[in-house]
Amino acid sequence: MDLLSDLNDEVWQSVADQDCYKTVAERGYFKYHVMSHKEIDRGTGKWIYGVAVYNTDETHMAFLVGAAGKRDPLKGYNTVGLRLTKGPDANNQYEITGMIAYDDCVEKRPRFA
């Protein structure tokens, strides 16, 4: 699977593996279970996911902006590395600004982060 193929490449960019994996913790990535998927405003490229921090019971709502059309970028992924940025709402809502799955690492372009 290729994460970038389901993302809008004007919003998201591929990051070289060595840049992404060398500093995973320093860059704010953590391992999450993806529990639920739901498209917001059909066809807008916005998704919301229920995620749980790996090996804990800590859960969050994570928003993704910049999907390519109606495709769910995390469909088929049970566990994924995510970098989450706190959203404007303080109720465990976060925006996804980076993702790592298998050999793929993508991050939002600076002007969208």
PDB file of N, CA and C in Angstrom:
ATOM      1  N   MET A   1       0.841  -1.183   0.000  1.00  0.00           N
ATOM      2  CA  MET A   1       0.000   0.000   0.000  1.00  0.00           C
ATOM      3  C   MET A   1       0.882   1.241   0.000  1.00  0.00           C
ATOM      4  N   ASP A   2       0.351   2.292  -0.558  1.00  0.00           N
ATOM      5  CA  ASP A   2       1.089   3.536  -0.676  1.00  0.00           C
ATOM      6  C   ASP A   2       0.231   4.664  -0.109  1.00  0.00           C
ATOM      7  N   LEU A   3       0.639   5.232   1.011  1.00  0.00           N
ATOM      8  CA  LEU A   3      -0.146   6.278   1.659  1.00  0.00           C
ATOM      9  C   LEU A   3      -0.386   7.474   0.751  1.00  0.00           C
ATOM     10  N   LEU A   4       0.640   7.923   0.057  1.00  0.00           N
ATOM     11  CA  LEU A   4       0.536   9.146  -0.736  1.00  0.00           C
ATOM     12  C   LEU A   4      -0.467   9.007  -1.879  1.00  0.00           C
ATOM     13  N   SER A   5      -0.690   7.789  -2.367  1.00  0.00           N
ATOM     14  CA  SER A   5      -1.622   7.617  -3.488  1.00  0.00           C
ATOM     15  C   SER A   5      -3.061   7.948  -3.093  1.00  0.00           C
ATOM     16  N   ASP A   6      -3.384   7.921  -1.809  1.00  0.00           N
ATOM     17  CA  ASP A   6      -4.728   8.257  -1.341  1.00  0.00           C
ATOM     18  C   ASP A   6      -4.798   9.649  -0.713  1.00  0.00           C
ATOM     19  N   LEU A   7      -3.740  10.447  -0.916  1.00  0.00           N
ATOM     20  CA  LEU A   7      -3.680  11.797  -0.348  1.00  0.00           C
ATOM     21  C   LEU A   7      -3.490  12.827  -1.446  1.00  0.00           C
ATOM     22  N   ASN A   8      -3.948  14.025  -1.193  1.00  0.00           N
ATOM     23  CA  ASN A   8      -3.764  15.141  -2.106  1.00  0.00           C
ATOM     24  C   ASN A   8      -2.299  15.584  -2.010  1.00  0.00           C
ATOM     25  N   ASP A   9      -1.552  15.446  -3.112  1.00  0.00           N
ATOM     26  CA  ASP A   9      -0.119  15.758  -3.051  1.00  0.00           C
ATOM     27  C   ASP A   9       0.182  17.256  -3.003  1.00  0.00           C
ATOM     28  N   GLU A  10      -0.843  18.091  -3.075  1.00  0.00           N
ATOM     29  CA  GLU A  10      -0.627  19.520  -2.838  1.00  0.00           C
ATOM     30  C   GLU A  10      -0.576  19.805  -1.336  1.00  0.00           C
ATOM     31  N   VAL A  11      -1.196  18.925  -0.542  1.00  0.00           N
ATOM     32  CA  VAL A  11      -1.252  19.094   0.913  1.00  0.00           C
ATOM     33  C   VAL A  11      -0.210  18.220   1.609  1.00  0.00           C
ATOM     34  N   TRP A  12       0.038  17.013   1.064  1.00  0.00           N
ATOM     35  CA  TRP A  12       0.918  16.026   1.683  1.00  0.00           C
ATOM     36  C   TRP A  12       2.147  15.787   0.828  1.00  0.00           C
ATOM     37  N   GLN A  13       3.246  15.402   1.479  1.00  0.00           N
ATOM     38  CA  GLN A  13       4.485  15.085   0.772  1.00  0.00           C
ATOM     39  C   GLN A  13       5.111  13.835   1.365  1.00  0.00           C
ATOM     40  N   SER A  14       5.782  13.090   0.512  1.00  0.00           N
ATOM     41  CA  SER A  14       6.524  11.917   0.964  1.00  0.00           C
ATOM     42  C   SER A  14       7.815  12.391   1.613  1.00  0.00           C
ATOM     43  N   VAL A  15       8.213  11.706   2.681  1.00  0.00           N
ATOM     44  CA  VAL A  15       9.448  12.053   3.385  1.00  0.00           C
ATOM     45  C   VAL A  15      10.384  10.856   3.274  1.00  0.00           C
ATOM     46  N   ALA A  16      11.647  11.100   2.991  1.00  0.00           N
ATOM     47  CA  ALA A  16      12.619  10.023   2.857  1.00  0.00           C
ATOM     48  C   ALA A  16      12.656   9.180   4.118  1.00  0.00           C
ATOM     49  N   ASP A  17      12.690   7.859   3.944  1.00  0.00           N
ATOM     50  CA  ASP A  17      12.679   6.940   5.081  1.00  0.00           C
ATOM     51  C   ASP A  17      13.710   7.290   6.135  1.00  0.00           C
ATOM     52  N   GLN A  18      14.934   7.575   5.707  1.00  0.00           N
ATOM     53  CA  GLN A  18      15.987   7.831   6.686  1.00  0.00           C
ATOM     54  C   GLN A  18      15.675   9.079   7.505  1.00  0.00           C
ATOM     55  N   ASP A  19      15.039  10.081   6.909  1.00  0.00           N
ATOM     56  CA  ASP A  19      14.682  11.288   7.647  1.00  0.00           C
ATOM     57  C   ASP A  19      13.555  11.018   8.627  1.00  0.00           C
ATOM     58  N   CYS A  20      12.640  10.175   8.238  1.00  0.00           N
ATOM     59  CA  CYS A  20      11.463   9.905   9.058  1.00  0.00           C
ATOM     60  C   CYS A  20      11.775   8.955  10.211  1.00  0.00           C
ATOM     61  N   TYR A  21      12.423   7.845   9.927  1.00  0.00           N
ATOM     62  CA  TYR A  21      12.606   6.810  10.934  1.00  0.00           C
ATOM     63  C   TYR A  21      13.716   7.101  11.935  1.00  0.00           C
ATOM     64  N   LYS A  22      14.713   7.886  11.561  1.00  0.00           N
ATOM     65  CA  LYS A  22      15.805   8.183  12.486  1.00  0.00           C
ATOM     66  C   LYS A  22      15.323   8.976  13.688  1.00  0.00           C
ATOM     67  N   THR A  23      14.337   9.810  13.471  1.00  0.00           N
ATOM     68  CA  THR A  23      13.916  10.716  14.538  1.00  0.00           C
ATOM     69  C   THR A  23      12.423  10.585  14.825  1.00  0.00           C
ATOM     70  N   VAL A  24      11.904   9.358  14.770  1.00  0.00           N
ATOM     71  CA  VAL A  24      10.473   9.149  14.958  1.00  0.00           C
ATOM     72  C   VAL A  24       9.990   9.772  16.260  1.00  0.00           C
ATOM     73  N   ALA A  25      10.588   9.432  17.378  1.00  0.00           N
ATOM     74  CA  ALA A  25      10.152   9.968  18.670  1.00  0.00           C
ATOM     75  C   ALA A  25      10.390  11.476  18.744  1.00  0.00           C
ATOM     76  N   GLU A  26      11.520  11.935  18.226  1.00  0.00           N
ATOM     77  CA  GLU A  26      11.835  13.360  18.263  1.00  0.00           C
ATOM     78  C   GLU A  26      10.859  14.172  17.426  1.00  0.00           C
ATOM     79  N   ARG A  27      10.328  13.567  16.372  1.00  0.00           N
ATOM     80  CA  ARG A  27       9.398  14.266  15.483  1.00  0.00           C
ATOM     81  C   ARG A  27       7.953  14.134  15.957  1.00  0.00           C
ATOM     82  N   GLY A  28       7.731  13.434  17.054  1.00  0.00           N
ATOM     83  CA  GLY A  28       6.403  13.361  17.638  1.00  0.00           C
ATOM     84  C   GLY A  28       5.517  12.237  17.130  1.00  0.00           C
ATOM     85  N   TYR A  29       6.114  11.194  16.563  1.00  0.00           N
ATOM     86  CA  TYR A  29       5.335  10.053  16.083  1.00  0.00           C
ATOM     87  C   TYR A  29       5.149   9.027  17.193  1.00  0.00           C
ATOM     88  N   PHE A  30       3.942   8.467  17.251  1.00  0.00           N
ATOM     89  CA  PHE A  30       3.634   7.384  18.175  1.00  0.00           C
ATOM     90  C   PHE A  30       2.814   6.338  17.445  1.00  0.00           C
ATOM     91  N   LYS A  31       2.860   5.128  17.948  1.00  0.00           N
ATOM     92  CA  LYS A  31       2.146   4.010  17.337  1.00  0.00           C
ATOM     93  C   LYS A  31       0.696   3.996  17.830  1.00  0.00           C
ATOM     94  N   TYR A  32      -0.249   3.892  16.889  1.00  0.00           N
ATOM     95  CA  TYR A  32      -1.670   3.901  17.211  1.00  0.00           C
ATOM     96  C   TYR A  32      -2.389   2.732  16.539  1.00  0.00           C
ATOM     97  N   HIS A  33      -3.442   2.264  17.184  1.00  0.00           N
ATOM     98  CA  HIS A  33      -4.406   1.350  16.566  1.00  0.00           C
ATOM     99  C   HIS A  33      -5.483   2.231  15.939  1.00  0.00           C
ATOM    100  N   VAL A  34      -5.842   1.949  14.692  1.00  0.00           N
ATOM    101  CA  VAL A  34      -6.943   2.658  14.042  1.00  0.00           C
ATOM    102  C   VAL A  34      -8.211   1.855  14.314  1.00  0.00           C
ATOM    103  N   MET A  35      -9.144   2.450  15.046  1.00  0.00           N
ATOM    104  CA  MET A  35     -10.340   1.720  15.474  1.00  0.00           C
ATOM    105  C   MET A  35     -11.564   2.017  14.626  1.00  0.00           C
ATOM    106  N   SER A  36     -11.705   3.258  14.145  1.00  0.00           N
ATOM    107  CA  SER A  36     -12.868   3.608  13.337  1.00  0.00           C
ATOM    108  C   SER A  36     -12.487   4.632  12.282  1.00  0.00           C
ATOM    109  N   HIS A  37     -13.255   4.643  11.198  1.00  0.00           N
ATOM    110  CA  HIS A  37     -13.030   5.538  10.059  1.00  0.00           C
ATOM    111  C   HIS A  37     -14.373   6.153   9.684  1.00  0.00           C
ATOM    112  N   LYS A  38     -14.386   7.446   9.402  1.00  0.00           N
ATOM    113  CA  LYS A  38     -15.616   8.068   8.925  1.00  0.00           C
ATOM    114  C   LYS A  38     -15.262   9.290   8.087  1.00  0.00           C
ATOM    115  N   GLU A  39     -15.853   9.357   6.909  1.00  0.00           N
ATOM    116  CA  GLU A  39     -15.654  10.525   6.052  1.00  0.00           C
ATOM    117  C   GLU A  39     -16.533  11.668   6.553  1.00  0.00           C
ATOM    118  N   ILE A  40     -15.962  12.866   6.554  1.00  0.00           N
ATOM    119  CA  ILE A  40     -16.697  14.066   6.958  1.00  0.00           C
ATOM    120  C   ILE A  40     -17.023  14.844   5.681  1.00  0.00           C
ATOM    121  N   ASP A  41     -18.236  15.277   5.527  1.00  0.00           N
ATOM    122  CA  ASP A  41     -18.628  16.064   4.349  1.00  0.00           C
ATOM    123  C   ASP A  41     -18.181  15.391   3.058  1.00  0.00           C
ATOM    124  N   ARG A  42     -18.829  14.356   2.700  1.00  0.00           N
ATOM    125  CA  ARG A  42     -18.543  13.483   1.562  1.00  0.00           C
ATOM    126  C   ARG A  42     -17.847  14.190   0.393  1.00  0.00           C
ATOM    127  N   GLY A  43     -16.707  13.656   0.005  1.00  0.00           N
ATOM    128  CA  GLY A  43     -15.968  14.151  -1.151  1.00  0.00           C
ATOM    129  C   GLY A  43     -15.072  15.354  -0.891  1.00  0.00           C
ATOM    130  N   THR A  44     -14.945  15.794   0.372  1.00  0.00           N
ATOM    131  CA  THR A  44     -14.127  16.972   0.677  1.00  0.00           C
ATOM    132  C   THR A  44     -12.694  16.623   1.046  1.00  0.00           C
ATOM    133  N   GLY A  45     -12.409  15.326   1.196  1.00  0.00           N
ATOM    134  CA  GLY A  45     -11.062  14.918   1.584  1.00  0.00           C
ATOM    135  C   GLY A  45     -10.811  15.001   3.078  1.00  0.00           C
ATOM    136  N   LYS A  46     -11.894  15.060   3.868  1.00  0.00           N
ATOM    137  CA  LYS A  46     -11.760  15.145   5.323  1.00  0.00           C
ATOM    138  C   LYS A  46     -12.277  13.852   5.949  1.00  0.00           C
ATOM    139  N   TRP A  47     -11.481  13.297   6.857  1.00  0.00           N
ATOM    140  CA  TRP A  47     -11.827  12.052   7.546  1.00  0.00           C
ATOM    141  C   TRP A  47     -11.614  12.222   9.038  1.00  0.00           C
ATOM    142  N   ILE A  48     -12.345  11.439   9.820  1.00  0.00           N
ATOM    143  CA  ILE A  48     -12.136  11.395  11.262  1.00  0.00           C
ATOM    144  C   ILE A  48     -11.918   9.929  11.645  1.00  0.00           C
ATOM    145  N   TYR A  49     -10.964   9.722  12.539  1.00  0.00           N
ATOM    146  CA  TYR A  49     -10.602   8.374  12.975  1.00  0.00           C
ATOM    147  C   TYR A  49     -10.643   8.302  14.491  1.00  0.00           C
ATOM    148  N   GLY A  50     -11.096   7.178  14.977  1.00  0.00           N
ATOM    149  CA  GLY A  50     -10.932   6.866  16.389  1.00  0.00           C
ATOM    150  C   GLY A  50      -9.639   6.082  16.501  1.00  0.00           C
ATOM    151  N   VAL A  51      -8.692   6.564  17.290  1.00  0.00           N
ATOM    152  CA  VAL A  51      -7.392   5.898  17.423  1.00  0.00           C
ATOM    153  C   VAL A  51      -7.077   5.681  18.898  1.00  0.00           C
ATOM    154  N   ALA A  52      -6.307   4.633  19.157  1.00  0.00           N
ATOM    155  CA  ALA A  52      -5.864   4.336  20.526  1.00  0.00           C
ATOM    156  C   ALA A  52      -4.353   4.207  20.525  1.00  0.00           C
ATOM    157  N   VAL A  53      -3.730   4.844  21.494  1.00  0.00           N
ATOM    158  CA  VAL A  53      -2.282   4.722  21.650  1.00  0.00           C
ATOM    159  C   VAL A  53      -1.965   3.245  21.873  1.00  0.00           C
ATOM    160  N   TYR A  54      -0.988   2.739  21.137  1.00  0.00           N
ATOM    161  CA  TYR A  54      -0.624   1.320  21.172  1.00  0.00           C
ATOM    162  C   TYR A  54      -0.348   0.848  22.596  1.00  0.00           C
ATOM    163  N   ASN A  55      -0.919  -0.279  22.951  1.00  0.00           N
ATOM    164  CA  ASN A  55      -0.744  -0.925  24.261  1.00  0.00           C
ATOM    165  C   ASN A  55      -1.214  -0.084  25.443  1.00  0.00           C
ATOM    166  N   THR A  56      -2.167   0.819  25.210  1.00  0.00           N
ATOM    167  CA  THR A  56      -2.772   1.582  26.302  1.00  0.00           C
ATOM    168  C   THR A  56      -4.274   1.662  26.039  1.00  0.00           C
ATOM    169  N   ASP A  57      -4.997   2.257  26.962  1.00  0.00           N
ATOM    170  CA  ASP A  57      -6.424   2.485  26.723  1.00  0.00           C
ATOM    171  C   ASP A  57      -6.698   3.967  26.435  1.00  0.00           C
ATOM    172  N   GLU A  58      -5.657   4.726  26.130  1.00  0.00           N
ATOM    173  CA  GLU A  58      -5.791   6.150  25.805  1.00  0.00           C
ATOM    174  C   GLU A  58      -6.296   6.292  24.372  1.00  0.00           C
ATOM    175  N   THR A  59      -7.439   6.950  24.207  1.00  0.00           N
ATOM    176  CA  THR A  59      -8.025   7.115  22.872  1.00  0.00           C
ATOM    177  C   THR A  59      -8.132   8.582  22.492  1.00  0.00           C
ATOM    178  N   HIS A  60      -8.185   8.823  21.192  1.00  0.00           N
ATOM    179  CA  HIS A  60      -8.314  10.175  20.651  1.00  0.00           C
ATOM    180  C   HIS A  60      -9.177  10.139  19.399  1.00  0.00           C
ATOM    181  N   MET A  61      -9.722  11.291  19.058  1.00  0.00           N
ATOM    182  CA  MET A  61     -10.350  11.497  17.759  1.00  0.00           C
ATOM    183  C   MET A  61      -9.299  12.233  16.928  1.00  0.00           C
ATOM    184  N   ALA A  62      -8.975  11.677  15.768  1.00  0.00           N
ATOM    185  CA  ALA A  62      -7.934  12.264  14.922  1.00  0.00           C
ATOM    186  C   ALA A  62      -8.530  12.634  13.566  1.00  0.00           C
ATOM    187  N   PHE A  63      -8.367  13.887  13.175  1.00  0.00           N
ATOM    188  CA  PHE A  63      -8.889  14.386  11.913  1.00  0.00           C
ATOM    189  C   PHE A  63      -7.796  14.383  10.857  1.00  0.00           C
ATOM    190  N   LEU A  64      -8.172  14.039   9.638  1.00  0.00           N
ATOM    191  CA  LEU A  64      -7.239  14.088   8.517  1.00  0.00           C
ATOM    192  C   LEU A  64      -7.858  14.989   7.458  1.00  0.00           C
ATOM    193  N   VAL A  65      -7.078  15.942   6.980  1.00  0.00           N
ATOM    194  CA  VAL A  65      -7.497  16.843   5.920  1.00  0.00           C
ATOM    195  C   VAL A  65      -6.548  16.639   4.753  1.00  0.00           C
ATOM    196  N   GLY A  66      -7.105  16.526   3.544  1.00  0.00           N
ATOM    197  CA  GLY A  66      -6.262  16.402   2.368  1.00  0.00           C
ATOM    198  C   GLY A  66      -6.235  15.018   1.756  1.00  0.00           C
ATOM    199  N   ALA A  67      -7.305  14.245   1.958  1.00  0.00           N
ATOM    200  CA  ALA A  67      -7.399  12.950   1.265  1.00  0.00           C
ATOM    201  C   ALA A  67      -7.737  13.216  -0.201  1.00  0.00           C
ATOM    202  N   ALA A  68      -7.383  12.280  -1.058  1.00  0.00           N
ATOM    203  CA  ALA A  68      -7.665  12.406  -2.486  1.00  0.00           C
ATOM    204  C   ALA A  68      -9.084  11.909  -2.747  1.00  0.00           C
ATOM    205  N   GLY A  69      -9.997  12.834  -2.950  1.00  0.00           N
ATOM    206  CA  GLY A  69     -11.378  12.468  -3.256  1.00  0.00           C
ATOM    207  C   GLY A  69     -12.055  11.730  -2.127  1.00  0.00           C
ATOM    208  N   LYS A  70     -12.702  10.611  -2.467  1.00  0.00           N
ATOM    209  CA  LYS A  70     -13.486   9.857  -1.487  1.00  0.00           C
ATOM    210  C   LYS A  70     -12.700   8.703  -0.876  1.00  0.00           C
ATOM    211  N   ARG A  71     -11.419   8.591  -1.175  1.00  0.00           N
ATOM    212  CA  ARG A  71     -10.633   7.454  -0.693  1.00  0.00           C
ATOM    213  C   ARG A  71     -10.159   7.658   0.741  1.00  0.00           C
ATOM    214  N   ASP A  72     -10.267   6.595   1.525  1.00  0.00           N
ATOM    215  CA  ASP A  72      -9.827   6.607   2.918  1.00  0.00           C
ATOM    216  C   ASP A  72      -8.343   6.230   2.962  1.00  0.00           C
ATOM    217  N   PRO A  73      -7.457   7.179   3.294  1.00  0.00           N
ATOM    218  CA  PRO A  73      -6.025   6.897   3.293  1.00  0.00           C
ATOM    219  C   PRO A  73      -5.590   5.810   4.278  1.00  0.00           C
ATOM    220  N   LEU A  74      -6.345   5.584   5.342  1.00  0.00           N
ATOM    221  CA  LEU A  74      -5.943   4.593   6.339  1.00  0.00           C
ATOM    222  C   LEU A  74      -6.737   3.289   6.240  1.00  0.00           C
ATOM    223  N   LYS A  75      -7.512   3.138   5.174  1.00  0.00           N
ATOM    224  CA  LYS A  75      -8.245   1.880   4.991  1.00  0.00           C
ATOM    225  C   LYS A  75      -7.241   0.748   4.825  1.00  0.00           C
ATOM    226  N   GLY A  76      -7.430  -0.310   5.581  1.00  0.00           N
ATOM    227  CA  GLY A  76      -6.536  -1.460   5.499  1.00  0.00           C
ATOM    228  C   GLY A  76      -5.386  -1.427   6.492  1.00  0.00           C
ATOM    229  N   TYR A  77      -5.236  -0.319   7.212  1.00  0.00           N
ATOM    230  CA  TYR A  77      -4.185  -0.219   8.219  1.00  0.00           C
ATOM    231  C   TYR A  77      -4.807  -0.399   9.608  1.00  0.00           C
ATOM    232  N   ASN A  78      -4.319  -1.367  10.361  1.00  0.00           N
ATOM    233  CA  ASN A  78      -4.776  -1.544  11.737  1.00  0.00           C
ATOM    234  C   ASN A  78      -3.905  -0.771  12.716  1.00  0.00           C
ATOM    235  N   THR A  79      -2.613  -0.748  12.435  1.00  0.00           N
ATOM    236  CA  THR A  79      -1.651  -0.052  13.282  1.00  0.00           C
ATOM    237  C   THR A  79      -0.822   0.868  12.395  1.00  0.00           C
ATOM    238  N   VAL A  80      -0.614   2.087  12.843  1.00  0.00           N
ATOM    239  CA  VAL A  80       0.097   3.073  12.046  1.00  0.00           C
ATOM    240  C   VAL A  80       0.795   4.057  12.984  1.00  0.00           C
ATOM    241  N   GLY A  81       1.913   4.603  12.535  1.00  0.00           N
ATOM    242  CA  GLY A  81       2.576   5.669  13.270  1.00  0.00           C
ATOM    243  C   GLY A  81       1.942   6.989  12.885  1.00  0.00           C
ATOM    244  N   LEU A  82       1.535   7.767  13.872  1.00  0.00           N
ATOM    245  CA  LEU A  82       0.905   9.060  13.600  1.00  0.00           C
ATOM    246  C   LEU A  82       1.596  10.165  14.380  1.00  0.00           C
ATOM    247  N   ARG A  83       1.651  11.320  13.759  1.00  0.00           N
ATOM    248  CA  ARG A  83       2.035  12.538  14.465  1.00  0.00           C
ATOM    249  C   ARG A  83       0.759  13.363  14.558  1.00  0.00           C
ATOM    250  N   LEU A  84       0.317  13.613  15.769  1.00  0.00           N
ATOM    251  CA  LEU A  84      -0.924  14.344  15.989  1.00  0.00           C
ATOM    252  C   LEU A  84      -0.629  15.719  16.567  1.00  0.00           C
ATOM    253  N   THR A  85      -1.392  16.711  16.099  1.00  0.00           N
ATOM    254  CA  THR A  85      -1.294  18.074  16.606  1.00  0.00           C
ATOM    255  C   THR A  85      -2.610  18.404  17.278  1.00  0.00           C
ATOM    256  N   LYS A  86      -2.536  18.952  18.468  1.00  0.00           N
ATOM    257  CA  LYS A  86      -3.736  19.273  19.230  1.00  0.00           C
ATOM    258  C   LYS A  86      -4.626  20.213  18.434  1.00  0.00           C
ATOM    259  N   GLY A  87      -5.903  19.860  18.337  1.00  0.00           N
ATOM    260  CA  GLY A  87      -6.876  20.684  17.630  1.00  0.00           C
ATOM    261  C   GLY A  87      -7.374  21.825  18.502  1.00  0.00           C
ATOM    262  N   PRO A  88      -8.243  22.665  17.946  1.00  0.00           N
ATOM    263  CA  PRO A  88      -8.747  23.810  18.703  1.00  0.00           C
ATOM    264  C   PRO A  88      -9.681  23.404  19.838  1.00  0.00           C
ATOM    265  N   ASP A  89     -10.266  22.200  19.732  1.00  0.00           N
ATOM    266  CA  ASP A  89     -11.168  21.700  20.768  1.00  0.00           C
ATOM    267  C   ASP A  89     -10.351  20.880  21.758  1.00  0.00           C
ATOM    268  N   ALA A  90     -10.549  21.074  23.026  1.00  0.00           N
ATOM    269  CA  ALA A  90      -9.744  20.399  24.047  1.00  0.00           C
ATOM    270  C   ALA A  90     -10.266  19.009  24.407  1.00  0.00           C
ATOM    271  N   ASN A  91     -11.205  18.467  23.658  1.00  0.00           N
ATOM    272  CA  ASN A  91     -11.819  17.179  23.984  1.00  0.00           C
ATOM    273  C   ASN A  91     -11.157  16.019  23.254  1.00  0.00           C
ATOM    274  N   ASN A  92      -9.865  15.842  23.426  1.00  0.00           N
ATOM    275  CA  ASN A  92      -9.122  14.743  22.797  1.00  0.00           C
ATOM    276  C   ASN A  92      -9.229  14.742  21.276  1.00  0.00           C
ATOM    277  N   GLN A  93      -9.363  15.902  20.661  1.00  0.00           N
ATOM    278  CA  GLN A  93      -9.411  15.997  19.211  1.00  0.00           C
ATOM    279  C   GLN A  93      -8.077  16.508  18.694  1.00  0.00           C
ATOM    280  N   TYR A  94      -7.561  15.789  17.698  1.00  0.00           N
ATOM    281  CA  TYR A  94      -6.247  16.094  17.144  1.00  0.00           C
ATOM    282  C   TYR A  94      -6.305  16.077  15.628  1.00  0.00           C
ATOM    283  N   GLU A  95      -5.354  16.770  15.004  1.00  0.00           N
ATOM    284  CA  GLU A  95      -5.215  16.707  13.551  1.00  0.00           C
ATOM    285  C   GLU A  95      -4.000  15.856  13.216  1.00  0.00           C
ATOM    286  N   ILE A  96      -4.144  14.995  12.229  1.00  0.00           N
ATOM    287  CA  ILE A  96      -3.031  14.169  11.769  1.00  0.00           C
ATOM    288  C   ILE A  96      -2.142  15.032  10.877  1.00  0.00           C
ATOM    289  N   THR A  97      -0.855  15.157  11.241  1.00  0.00           N
ATOM    290  CA  THR A  97       0.083  15.947  10.448  1.00  0.00           C
ATOM    291  C   THR A  97       1.223  15.100   9.897  1.00  0.00           C
ATOM    292  N   GLY A  98       1.241  13.816  10.242  1.00  0.00           N
ATOM    293  CA  GLY A  98       2.250  12.902   9.719  1.00  0.00           C
ATOM    294  C   GLY A  98       1.806  11.467   9.924  1.00  0.00           C
ATOM    295  N   MET A  99       2.201  10.587   8.988  1.00  0.00           N
ATOM    296  CA  MET A  99       1.830   9.170   9.072  1.00  0.00           C
ATOM    297  C   MET A  99       2.990   8.297   8.611  1.00  0.00           C
ATOM    298  N   ILE A 100       3.177   7.179   9.293  1.00  0.00           N
ATOM    299  CA  ILE A 100       4.168   6.176   8.916  1.00  0.00           C
ATOM    300  C   ILE A 100       3.458   4.828   8.874  1.00  0.00           C
ATOM    301  N   ALA A 101       3.573   4.146   7.742  1.00  0.00           N
ATOM    302  CA  ALA A 101       3.013   2.799   7.609  1.00  0.00           C
ATOM    303  C   ALA A 101       3.932   2.000   6.699  1.00  0.00           C
ATOM    304  N   TYR A 102       4.411   0.887   7.218  1.00  0.00           N
ATOM    305  CA  TYR A 102       5.340   0.034   6.478  1.00  0.00           C
ATOM    306  C   TYR A 102       6.523   0.874   6.019  1.00  0.00           C
ATOM    307  N   ASP A 103       6.733   1.008   4.727  1.00  0.00           N
ATOM    308  CA  ASP A 103       7.879   1.771   4.213  1.00  0.00           C
ATOM    309  C   ASP A 103       7.506   3.172   3.773  1.00  0.00           C
ATOM    310  N   ASP A 104       6.309   3.615   4.105  1.00  0.00           N
ATOM    311  CA  ASP A 104       5.842   4.941   3.697  1.00  0.00           C
ATOM    312  C   ASP A 104       5.887   5.910   4.862  1.00  0.00           C
ATOM    313  N   CYS A 105       6.307   7.116   4.569  1.00  0.00           N
ATOM    314  CA  CYS A 105       6.273   8.196   5.550  1.00  0.00           C
ATOM    315  C   CYS A 105       5.803   9.443   4.804  1.00  0.00           C
ATOM    316  N   VAL A 106       4.688  10.010   5.262  1.00  0.00           N
ATOM    317  CA  VAL A 106       4.166  11.230   4.647  1.00  0.00           C
ATOM    318  C   VAL A 106       3.904  12.258   5.735  1.00  0.00           C
ATOM    319  N   GLU A 107       4.077  13.518   5.369  1.00  0.00           N
ATOM    320  CA  GLU A 107       3.816  14.616   6.293  1.00  0.00           C
ATOM    321  C   GLU A 107       3.129  15.721   5.530  1.00  0.00           C
ATOM    322  N   LYS A 108       2.350  16.524   6.281  1.00  0.00           N
ATOM    323  CA  LYS A 108       1.706  17.678   5.644  1.00  0.00           C
ATOM    324  C   LYS A 108       2.792  18.663   5.235  1.00  0.00           C
ATOM    325  N   ARG A 109       2.590  19.276   4.095  1.00  0.00           N
ATOM    326  CA  ARG A 109       3.512  20.315   3.644  1.00  0.00           C
ATOM    327  C   ARG A 109       3.460  21.473   4.654  1.00  0.00           C
ATOM    328  N   PRO A 110       4.584  22.147   4.862  1.00  0.00           N
ATOM    329  CA  PRO A 110       4.660  23.189   5.898  1.00  0.00           C
ATOM    330  C   PRO A 110       3.543  24.235   5.833  1.00  0.00           C
ATOM    331  N   ARG A 111       3.140  24.627   4.639  1.00  0.00           N
ATOM    332  CA  ARG A 111       2.111  25.670   4.549  1.00  0.00           C
ATOM    333  C   ARG A 111       0.730  25.181   4.995  1.00  0.00           C
ATOM    334  N   PHE A 112       0.552  23.849   5.129  1.00  0.00           N
ATOM    335  CA  PHE A 112      -0.735  23.291   5.563  1.00  0.00           C
ATOM    336  C   PHE A 112      -0.673  22.756   6.992  1.00  0.00           C
ATOM    337  N   ALA A 113       0.517  22.646   7.548  1.00  0.00           N
ATOM    338  CA  ALA A 113       0.675  22.042   8.898  1.00  0.00           C
ATOM    339  C   ALA A 113       0.272  22.997   9.985  1.00  0.00           C
TER     340      ALA A 113
END
